[in-house]
Amino acid sequence: ARLAGSGRVTMPELELLPASYDLPGARLLDLVQVMDRIRAEC
């Protein structure tokens, strides 16, 4: 972003490509993982 904003560099084409997406409820997996660690270490 800094180089592109400087205007001194010819920038390549930039693309952000999501290769996999979270499905609804995906954050529940995070909760299960956090609970596993808390149970083990707290």
All heavy atoms as atom14 arrays in JSON, in Angstrom:
{
  "sequence": "ARLAGSGRVTMPELELLPASYDLPGARLLDLVQVMDRIRAEC",
  "atom14_mask": [
    [1, 1, 1, 1, 1, 0, 0, 0, 0, 0, 0, 0, 0, 0],
    [1, 1, 1, 1, 1, 1, 1, 1, 1, 1, 1, 0, 0, 0],
    [1, 1, 1, 1, 1, 1, 1, 1, 0, 0, 0, 0, 0, 0],
    [1, 1, 1, 1, 1, 0, 0, 0, 0, 0, 0, 0, 0, 0],
    [1, 1, 1, 1, 0, 0, 0, 0, 0, 0, 0, 0, 0, 0],
    [1, 1, 1, 1, 1, 1, 0, 0, 0, 0, 0, 0, 0, 0],
    [1, 1, 1, 1, 0, 0, 0, 0, 0, 0, 0, 0, 0, 0],
    [1, 1, 1, 1, 1, 1, 1, 1, 1, 1, 1, 0, 0, 0],
    [1, 1, 1, 1, 1, 1, 1, 0, 0, 0, 0, 0, 0, 0],
    [1, 1, 1, 1, 1, 1, 1, 0, 0, 0, 0, 0, 0, 0],
    [1, 1, 1, 1, 1, 1, 1, 1, 0, 0, 0, 0, 0, 0],
    [1, 1, 1, 1, 1, 1, 1, 0, 0, 0, 0, 0, 0, 0],
    [1, 1, 1, 1, 1, 1, 1, 1, 1, 0, 0, 0, 0, 0],
    [1, 1, 1, 1, 1, 1, 1, 1, 0, 0, 0, 0, 0, 0],
    [1, 1, 1, 1, 1, 1, 1, 1, 1, 0, 0, 0, 0, 0],
    [1, 1, 1, 1, 1, 1, 1, 1, 0, 0, 0, 0, 0, 0],
    [1, 1, 1, 1, 1, 1, 1, 1, 0, 0, 0, 0, 0, 0],
    [1, 1, 1, 1, 1, 1, 1, 0, 0, 0, 0, 0, 0, 0],
    [1, 1, 1, 1, 1, 0, 0, 0, 0, 0, 0, 0, 0, 0],
    [1, 1, 1, 1, 1, 1, 0, 0, 0, 0, 0, 0, 0, 0],
    [1, 1, 1, 1, 1, 1, 1, 1, 1, 1, 1, 1, 0, 0],
    [1, 1, 1, 1, 1, 1, 1, 1, 0, 0, 0, 0, 0, 0],
    [1, 1, 1, 1, 1, 1, 1, 1, 0, 0, 0, 0, 0, 0],
    [1, 1, 1, 1, 1, 1, 1, 0, 0, 0, 0, 0, 0, 0],
    [1, 1, 1, 1, 0, 0, 0, 0, 0, 0, 0, 0, 0, 0],
    [1, 1, 1, 1, 1, 0, 0, 0, 0, 0, 0, 0, 0, 0],
    [1, 1, 1, 1, 1, 1, 1, 1, 1, 1, 1, 0, 0, 0],
    [1, 1, 1, 1, 1, 1, 1, 1, 0, 0, 0, 0, 0, 0],
    [1, 1, 1, 1, 1, 1, 1, 1, 0, 0, 0, 0, 0, 0],
    [1, 1, 1, 1, 1, 1, 1, 1, 0, 0, 0, 0, 0, 0],
    [1, 1, 1, 1, 1, 1, 1, 1, 0, 0, 0, 0, 0, 0],
    [1, 1, 1, 1, 1, 1, 1, 0, 0, 0, 0, 0, 0, 0],
    [1, 1, 1, 1, 1, 1, 1, 1, 1, 0, 0, 0, 0, 0],
    [1, 1, 1, 1, 1, 1, 1, 0, 0, 0, 0, 0, 0, 0],
    [1, 1, 1, 1, 1, 1, 1, 1, 0, 0, 0, 0, 0, 0],
    [1, 1, 1, 1, 1, 1, 1, 1, 0, 0, 0, 0, 0, 0],
    [1, 1, 1, 1, 1, 1, 1, 1, 1, 1, 1, 0, 0, 0],
    [1, 1, 1, 1, 1, 1, 1, 1, 0, 0, 0, 0, 0, 0],
    [1, 1, 1, 1, 1, 1, 1, 1, 1, 1, 1, 0, 0, 0],
    [1, 1, 1, 1, 1, 0, 0, 0, 0, 0, 0, 0, 0, 0],
    [1, 1, 1, 1, 1, 1, 1, 1, 1, 0, 0, 0, 0, 0],
    [1, 1, 1, 1, 1, 1, 0, 0, 0, 0, 0, 0, 0, 0]
  ],
  "atom14_positions": [
    [[0.83, -1.2, 0.0], [0.0, 0.0, 0.0], [0.87, 1.26, 0.0], [0.56, 2.24, -0.7], [-0.94, 0.0, 1.21], [0.0, 0.0, 0.0], [0.0, 0.0, 0.0], [0.0, 0.0, 0.0], [0.0, 0.0, 0.0], [0.0, 0.0, 0.0], [0.0, 0.0, 0.0], [0.0, 0.0, 0.0], [0.0, 0.0, 0.0], [0.0, 0.0, 0.0]],
    [[1.97, 1.23, 0.75], [2.85, 2.4, 0.78], [3.51, 2.64, -0.58], [3.6, 3.78, -1.06], [3.92, 2.22, 1.86], [3.42, 2.46, 3.28], [4.59, 2.57, 4.25], [5.36, 1.34, 4.31], [5.09, 0.35, 5.16], [4.06, 0.45, 6.0], [5.85, -0.74, 5.19], [0.0, 0.0, 0.0], [0.0, 0.0, 0.0], [0.0, 0.0, 0.0]],
    [[3.95, 1.55, -1.21], [4.58, 1.7, -2.52], [3.57, 2.19, -3.57], [3.9, 3.02, -4.42], [5.19, 0.38, -2.96], [6.44, -0.07, -2.17], [6.87, -1.47, -2.61], [7.58, 0.91, -2.36], [0.0, 0.0, 0.0], [0.0, 0.0, 0.0], [0.0, 0.0, 0.0], [0.0, 0.0, 0.0], [0.0, 0.0, 0.0], [0.0, 0.0, 0.0]],
    [[2.37, 1.66, -3.51], [1.34, 2.09, -4.46], [1.0, 3.56, -4.26], [0.8, 4.31, -5.23], [0.1, 1.22, -4.31], [0.0, 0.0, 0.0], [0.0, 0.0, 0.0], [0.0, 0.0, 0.0], [0.0, 0.0, 0.0], [0.0, 0.0, 0.0], [0.0, 0.0, 0.0], [0.0, 0.0, 0.0], [0.0, 0.0, 0.0], [0.0, 0.0, 0.0]],
    [[0.98, 3.99, -3.0], [0.65, 5.38, -2.71], [1.76, 6.35, -3.04], [1.51, 7.55, -3.22], [0.0, 0.0, 0.0], [0.0, 0.0, 0.0], [0.0, 0.0, 0.0], [0.0, 0.0, 0.0], [0.0, 0.0, 0.0], [0.0, 0.0, 0.0], [0.0, 0.0, 0.0], [0.0, 0.0, 0.0], [0.0, 0.0, 0.0], [0.0, 0.0, 0.0]],
    [[2.98, 5.87, -3.17], [4.1, 6.76, -3.45], [4.07, 7.29, -4.87], [4.59, 8.37, -5.16], [5.43, 6.03, -3.2], [5.65, 5.04, -4.2], [0.0, 0.0, 0.0], [0.0, 0.0, 0.0], [0.0, 0.0, 0.0], [0.0, 0.0, 0.0], [0.0, 0.0, 0.0], [0.0, 0.0, 0.0], [0.0, 0.0, 0.0], [0.0, 0.0, 0.0]],
    [[3.47, 6.54, -5.78], [3.42, 6.95, -7.17], [4.73, 6.76, -7.9], [4.84, 7.11, -9.09], [0.0, 0.0, 0.0], [0.0, 0.0, 0.0], [0.0, 0.0, 0.0], [0.0, 0.0, 0.0], [0.0, 0.0, 0.0], [0.0, 0.0, 0.0], [0.0, 0.0, 0.0], [0.0, 0.0, 0.0], [0.0, 0.0, 0.0], [0.0, 0.0, 0.0]],
    [[5.76, 6.23, -7.27], [7.07, 6.07, -7.88], [7.3, 4.67, -8.45], [8.32, 4.41, -9.07], [8.16, 6.39, -6.87], [8.13, 7.81, -6.32], [9.4, 8.13, -5.53], [9.62, 7.18, -4.45], [9.14, 7.35, -3.21], [8.41, 8.42, -2.93], [9.41, 6.48, -2.28], [0.0, 0.0, 0.0], [0.0, 0.0, 0.0], [0.0, 0.0, 0.0]],
    [[6.35, 3.78, -8.19], [6.53, 2.37, -8.58], [5.37, 1.95, -9.46], [4.2, 2.26, -9.17], [6.61, 1.46, -7.34], [6.74, 0.0, -7.74], [7.74, 1.88, -6.43], [0.0, 0.0, 0.0], [0.0, 0.0, 0.0], [0.0, 0.0, 0.0], [0.0, 0.0, 0.0], [0.0, 0.0, 0.0], [0.0, 0.0, 0.0], [0.0, 0.0, 0.0]],
    [[5.7, 1.27, -10.55], [4.64, 0.68, -11.38], [4.19, -0.61, -10.7], [4.96, -1.59, -10.6], [5.17, 0.37, -12.79], [5.62, 1.59, -13.39], [4.07, -0.24, -13.65], [0.0, 0.0, 0.0], [0.0, 0.0, 0.0], [0.0, 0.0, 0.0], [0.0, 0.0, 0.0], [0.0, 0.0, 0.0], [0.0, 0.0, 0.0], [0.0, 0.0, 0.0]],
    [[2.96, -0.6, -10.23], [2.48, -1.71, -9.4], [1.93, -2.85, -10.24], [1.27, -2.63, -11.27], [1.39, -1.22, -8.45], [1.87, -0.22, -7.41], [3.05, -0.95, -6.25], [2.0, -2.15, -5.41], [0.0, 0.0, 0.0], [0.0, 0.0, 0.0], [0.0, 0.0, 0.0], [0.0, 0.0, 0.0], [0.0, 0.0, 0.0], [0.0, 0.0, 0.0]],
    [[2.18, -4.08, -9.81], [1.51, -5.22, -10.44], [0.01, -5.16, -10.15], [-0.45, -4.44, -9.27], [2.16, -6.44, -9.79], [3.3, -5.92, -8.97], [3.05, -4.48, -8.7], [0.0, 0.0, 0.0], [0.0, 0.0, 0.0], [0.0, 0.0, 0.0], [0.0, 0.0, 0.0], [0.0, 0.0, 0.0], [0.0, 0.0, 0.0], [0.0, 0.0, 0.0]],
    [[-0.71, -5.95, -10.88], [-2.14, -6.12, -10.56], [-2.23, -6.85, -9.21], [-1.53, -7.85, -9.0], [-2.82, -6.93, -11.66], [-4.28, -7.23, -11.38], [-4.88, -8.18, -12.4], [-4.24, -8.42, -13.45], [-5.99, -8.69, -12.15], [0.0, 0.0, 0.0], [0.0, 0.0, 0.0], [0.0, 0.0, 0.0], [0.0, 0.0, 0.0], [0.0, 0.0, 0.0]],
    [[-3.05, -6.34, -8.34], [-3.21, -6.94, -7.02], [-4.59, -7.59, -6.9], [-5.6, -6.97, -7.25], [-3.04, -5.88, -5.92], [-1.71, -5.11, -5.91], [-1.74, -4.03, -4.82], [-0.56, -6.07, -5.67], [0.0, 0.0, 0.0], [0.0, 0.0, 0.0], [0.0, 0.0, 0.0], [0.0, 0.0, 0.0], [0.0, 0.0, 0.0], [0.0, 0.0, 0.0]],
    [[-4.61, -8.81, -6.39], [-5.88, -9.52, -6.23], [-5.9, -10.23, -4.88], [-4.95, -10.94, -4.53], [-6.09, -10.53, -7.35], [-7.39, -11.32, -7.2], [-7.59, -12.37, -8.29], [-6.71, -12.48, -9.18], [-8.6, -13.09, -8.24], [0.0, 0.0, 0.0], [0.0, 0.0, 0.0], [0.0, 0.0, 0.0], [0.0, 0.0, 0.0], [0.0, 0.0, 0.0]],
    [[-6.99, -10.04, -4.15], [-7.23, -10.81, -2.93], [-8.2, -11.92, -3.27], [-9.33, -11.67, -3.69], [-7.81, -9.9, -1.84], [-8.2, -10.59, -0.52], [-6.97, -11.19, 0.15], [-8.91, -9.62, 0.41], [0.0, 0.0, 0.0], [0.0, 0.0, 0.0], [0.0, 0.0, 0.0], [0.0, 0.0, 0.0], [0.0, 0.0, 0.0], [0.0, 0.0, 0.0]],
    [[-7.77, -13.15, -3.12], [-8.57, -14.31, -3.53], [-8.85, -15.21, -2.33], [-7.98, -15.95, -1.89], [-7.82, -15.09, -4.61], [-8.53, -16.35, -5.16], [-9.89, -16.0, -5.72], [-7.64, -17.01, -6.23], [0.0, 0.0, 0.0], [0.0, 0.0, 0.0], [0.0, 0.0, 0.0], [0.0, 0.0, 0.0], [0.0, 0.0, 0.0], [0.0, 0.0, 0.0]],
    [[-10.05, -15.15, -1.78], [-10.41, -16.09, -0.71], [-10.52, -17.5, -1.28], [-11.32, -17.74, -2.19], [-11.77, -15.57, -0.22], [-11.87, -14.16, -0.73], [-11.12, -14.16, -2.03], [0.0, 0.0, 0.0], [0.0, 0.0, 0.0], [0.0, 0.0, 0.0], [0.0, 0.0, 0.0], [0.0, 0.0, 0.0], [0.0, 0.0, 0.0], [0.0, 0.0, 0.0]],
    [[-9.73, -18.4, -0.76], [-9.73, -19.78, -1.26], [-10.72, -20.67, -0.53], [-11.13, -21.71, -1.04], [-8.34, -20.38, -1.16], [0.0, 0.0, 0.0], [0.0, 0.0, 0.0], [0.0, 0.0, 0.0], [0.0, 0.0, 0.0], [0.0, 0.0, 0.0], [0.0, 0.0, 0.0], [0.0, 0.0, 0.0], [0.0, 0.0, 0.0], [0.0, 0.0, 0.0]],
    [[-11.09, -20.27, 0.69], [-12.11, -21.01, 1.43], [-12.84, -20.02, 2.32], [-12.28, -19.03, 2.78], [-11.48, -22.14, 2.26], [-10.5, -21.65, 3.16], [0.0, 0.0, 0.0], [0.0, 0.0, 0.0], [0.0, 0.0, 0.0], [0.0, 0.0, 0.0], [0.0, 0.0, 0.0], [0.0, 0.0, 0.0], [0.0, 0.0, 0.0], [0.0, 0.0, 0.0]],
    [[-14.1, -20.29, 2.55], [-14.97, -19.37, 3.27], [-15.51, -20.05, 4.53], [-15.76, -21.25, 4.55], [-16.15, -18.93, 2.42], [-15.79, -18.24, 1.14], [-15.47, -18.98, -0.01], [-15.76, -16.86, 1.06], [-15.15, -18.35, -1.2], [-15.44, -16.22, -0.13], [-15.14, -16.96, -1.26], [-14.82, -16.34, -2.42], [0.0, 0.0, 0.0], [0.0, 0.0, 0.0]],
    [[-15.74, -19.22, 5.55], [-16.42, -19.72, 6.75], [-17.91, -19.88, 6.46], [-18.54, -19.0, 5.86], [-16.26, -18.75, 7.91], [-14.86, -18.78, 8.49], [-14.15, -19.77, 8.24], [-14.49, -17.82, 9.18], [0.0, 0.0, 0.0], [0.0, 0.0, 0.0], [0.0, 0.0, 0.0], [0.0, 0.0, 0.0], [0.0, 0.0, 0.0], [0.0, 0.0, 0.0]],
    [[-18.46, -21.0, 6.87], [-19.91, -21.2, 6.79], [-20.56, -20.63, 8.04], [-19.91, -20.41, 9.06], [-20.21, -22.7, 6.67], [-19.69, -23.39, 5.41], [-19.95, -24.89, 5.49], [-20.31, -22.79, 4.17], [0.0, 0.0, 0.0], [0.0, 0.0, 0.0], [0.0, 0.0, 0.0], [0.0, 0.0, 0.0], [0.0, 0.0, 0.0], [0.0, 0.0, 0.0]],
    [[-21.87, -20.36, 8.0], [-22.55, -19.9, 9.21], [-22.32, -20.88, 10.36], [-22.44, -22.1, 10.2], [-24.03, -19.88, 8.79], [-24.0, -19.67, 7.31], [-22.78, -20.42, 6.83], [0.0, 0.0, 0.0], [0.0, 0.0, 0.0], [0.0, 0.0, 0.0], [0.0, 0.0, 0.0], [0.0, 0.0, 0.0], [0.0, 0.0, 0.0], [0.0, 0.0, 0.0]],
    [[-21.99, -20.35, 11.51], [-21.71, -21.2, 12.67], [-20.26, -21.57, 12.81], [-19.88, -22.29, 13.76], [0.0, 0.0, 0.0], [0.0, 0.0, 0.0], [0.0, 0.0, 0.0], [0.0, 0.0, 0.0], [0.0, 0.0, 0.0], [0.0, 0.0, 0.0], [0.0, 0.0, 0.0], [0.0, 0.0, 0.0], [0.0, 0.0, 0.0], [0.0, 0.0, 0.0]],
    [[-19.41, -21.09, 11.89], [-18.0, -21.48, 11.92], [-17.31, -21.03, 13.21], [-16.39, -21.7, 13.7], [-17.27, -20.92, 10.7], [0.0, 0.0, 0.0], [0.0, 0.0, 0.0], [0.0, 0.0, 0.0], [0.0, 0.0, 0.0], [0.0, 0.0, 0.0], [0.0, 0.0, 0.0], [0.0, 0.0, 0.0], [0.0, 0.0, 0.0], [0.0, 0.0, 0.0]],
    [[-17.73, -19.89, 13.76], [-17.08, -19.42, 14.98], [-17.36, -20.33, 16.18], [-16.66, -20.26, 17.2], [-17.54, -18.0, 15.31], [-17.11, -16.93, 14.31], [-15.62, -16.95, 14.05], [-14.81, -16.71, 15.21], [-14.43, -15.52, 15.65], [-14.81, -14.43, 15.0], [-13.68, -15.39, 16.72], [0.0, 0.0, 0.0], [0.0, 0.0, 0.0], [0.0, 0.0, 0.0]],
    [[-18.34, -21.2, 16.06], [-18.56, -22.18, 17.13], [-17.37, -23.11, 17.27], [-17.07, -23.59, 18.36], [-19.84, -22.98, 16.85], [-21.15, -22.2, 16.92], [-22.32, -23.09, 16.5], [-21.39, -21.64, 18.32], [0.0, 0.0, 0.0], [0.0, 0.0, 0.0], [0.0, 0.0, 0.0], [0.0, 0.0, 0.0], [0.0, 0.0, 0.0], [0.0, 0.0, 0.0]],
    [[-16.7, -23.38, 16.15], [-15.48, -24.21, 16.22], [-14.41, -23.51, 17.04], [-13.68, -24.15, 17.8], [-14.97, -24.5, 14.81], [-15.92, -25.26, 13.88], [-15.3, -25.41, 12.49], [-16.25, -26.63, 14.46], [0.0, 0.0, 0.0], [0.0, 0.0, 0.0], [0.0, 0.0, 0.0], [0.0, 0.0, 0.0], [0.0, 0.0, 0.0], [0.0, 0.0, 0.0]],
    [[-14.31, -22.18, 16.88], [-13.35, -21.43, 17.69], [-13.69, -21.56, 19.17], [-12.8, -21.72, 20.02], [-13.38, -19.95, 17.3], [-12.83, -19.71, 15.91], [-12.18, -20.63, 15.37], [-13.04, -18.62, 15.37], [0.0, 0.0, 0.0], [0.0, 0.0, 0.0], [0.0, 0.0, 0.0], [0.0, 0.0, 0.0], [0.0, 0.0, 0.0], [0.0, 0.0, 0.0]],
    [[-14.98, -21.47, 19.48], [-15.4, -21.58, 20.89], [-15.02, -22.93, 21.47], [-14.53, -23.03, 22.6], [-16.91, -21.35, 20.99], [-17.53, -21.51, 22.38], [-16.87, -20.57, 23.38], [-19.04, -21.26, 22.32], [0.0, 0.0, 0.0], [0.0, 0.0, 0.0], [0.0, 0.0, 0.0], [0.0, 0.0, 0.0], [0.0, 0.0, 0.0], [0.0, 0.0, 0.0]],
    [[-15.22, -23.99, 20.7], [-14.87, -25.33, 21.18], [-13.36, -25.43, 21.41], [-12.9, -25.98, 22.42], [-15.34, -26.4, 20.17], [-14.81, -27.77, 20.56], [-16.86, -26.42, 20.11], [0.0, 0.0, 0.0], [0.0, 0.0, 0.0], [0.0, 0.0, 0.0], [0.0, 0.0, 0.0], [0.0, 0.0, 0.0], [0.0, 0.0, 0.0], [0.0, 0.0, 0.0]],
    [[-12.57, -24.87, 20.5], [-11.11, -24.92, 20.65], [-10.65, -24.11, 21.86], [-9.77, -24.55, 22.62], [-10.44, -24.39, 19.38], [-10.62, -25.31, 18.19], [-10.0, -24.72, 16.93], [-9.67, -23.55, 16.86], [-9.86, -25.55, 15.9], [0.0, 0.0, 0.0], [0.0, 0.0, 0.0], [0.0, 0.0, 0.0], [0.0, 0.0, 0.0], [0.0, 0.0, 0.0]],
    [[-11.24, -22.94, 22.05], [-10.89, -22.1, 23.2], [-11.26, -22.82, 24.5], [-10.49, -22.83, 25.47], [-11.6, -20.73, 23.11], [-11.48, -19.97, 24.43], [-11.0, -19.91, 21.98], [0.0, 0.0, 0.0], [0.0, 0.0, 0.0], [0.0, 0.0, 0.0], [0.0, 0.0, 0.0], [0.0, 0.0, 0.0], [0.0, 0.0, 0.0], [0.0, 0.0, 0.0]],
    [[-12.41, -23.46, 24.51], [-12.84, -24.17, 25.71], [-11.91, -25.34, 26.01], [-11.59, -25.62, 27.17], [-14.27, -24.66, 25.53], [-14.91, -25.24, 26.79], [-15.23, -23.97, 28.03], [-14.0, -24.36, 29.26], [0.0, 0.0, 0.0], [0.0, 0.0, 0.0], [0.0, 0.0, 0.0], [0.0, 0.0, 0.0], [0.0, 0.0, 0.0], [0.0, 0.0, 0.0]],
    [[-11.47, -26.02, 24.98], [-10.51, -27.13, 25.17], [-9.25, -26.64, 25.87], [-8.74, -27.26, 26.81], [-10.13, -27.74, 23.82], [-11.17, -28.71, 23.31], [-12.0, -29.18, 24.11], [-11.17, -29.01, 22.1], [0.0, 0.0, 0.0], [0.0, 0.0, 0.0], [0.0, 0.0, 0.0], [0.0, 0.0, 0.0], [0.0, 0.0, 0.0], [0.0, 0.0, 0.0]],
    [[-8.74, -25.51, 25.4], [-7.5, -25.0, 25.98], [-7.7, -24.51, 27.4], [-6.87, -24.73, 28.28], [-6.94, -23.87, 25.1], [-5.61, -23.35, 25.59], [-4.95, -22.46, 24.57], [-3.67, -21.96, 25.06], [-2.86, -21.15, 24.39], [-3.22, -20.76, 23.16], [-1.73, -20.74, 24.91], [0.0, 0.0, 0.0], [0.0, 0.0, 0.0], [0.0, 0.0, 0.0]],
    [[-8.81, -23.82, 27.62], [-9.09, -23.33, 28.98], [-9.23, -24.49, 29.95], [-8.72, -24.46, 31.06], [-10.36, -22.46, 28.96], [-10.1, -21.14, 28.24], [-10.86, -22.19, 30.38], [-11.33, -20.28, 28.06], [0.0, 0.0, 0.0], [0.0, 0.0, 0.0], [0.0, 0.0, 0.0], [0.0, 0.0, 0.0], [0.0, 0.0, 0.0], [0.0, 0.0, 0.0]],
    [[-9.93, -25.53, 29.52], [-10.12, -26.7, 30.38], [-8.78, -27.34, 30.73], [-8.59, -27.83, 31.85], [-11.03, -27.72, 29.68], [-11.29, -28.99, 30.48], [-12.07, -28.72, 31.75], [-12.45, -29.95, 32.43], [-13.04, -30.01, 33.61], [-13.34, -28.89, 34.26], [-13.35, -31.16, 34.16], [0.0, 0.0, 0.0], [0.0, 0.0, 0.0], [0.0, 0.0, 0.0]],
    [[-7.87, -27.32, 29.79], [-6.57, -27.96, 30.01], [-5.61, -27.1, 30.81], [-4.8, -27.62, 31.58], [-5.95, -28.33, 28.66], [0.0, 0.0, 0.0], [0.0, 0.0, 0.0], [0.0, 0.0, 0.0], [0.0, 0.0, 0.0], [0.0, 0.0, 0.0], [0.0, 0.0, 0.0], [0.0, 0.0, 0.0], [0.0, 0.0, 0.0], [0.0, 0.0, 0.0]],
    [[-5.68, -25.77, 30.65], [-4.63, -24.92, 31.19], [-5.06, -23.98, 32.31], [-4.2, -23.46, 33.02], [-4.03, -24.08, 30.05], [-3.43, -24.92, 28.93], [-2.86, -24.07, 27.81], [-2.62, -22.86, 28.05], [-2.66, -24.59, 26.7], [0.0, 0.0, 0.0], [0.0, 0.0, 0.0], [0.0, 0.0, 0.0], [0.0, 0.0, 0.0], [0.0, 0.0, 0.0]],
    [[-6.35, -23.73, 32.47], [-6.79, -22.78, 33.5], [-6.96, -23.48, 34.85], [-7.69, -24.48, 34.94], [-8.11, -22.14, 33.08], [-8.83, -21.06, 34.35], [0.0, 0.0, 0.0], [0.0, 0.0, 0.0], [0.0, 0.0, 0.0], [0.0, 0.0, 0.0], [0.0, 0.0, 0.0], [0.0, 0.0, 0.0], [0.0, 0.0, 0.0], [0.0, 0.0, 0.0]]
  ]
}
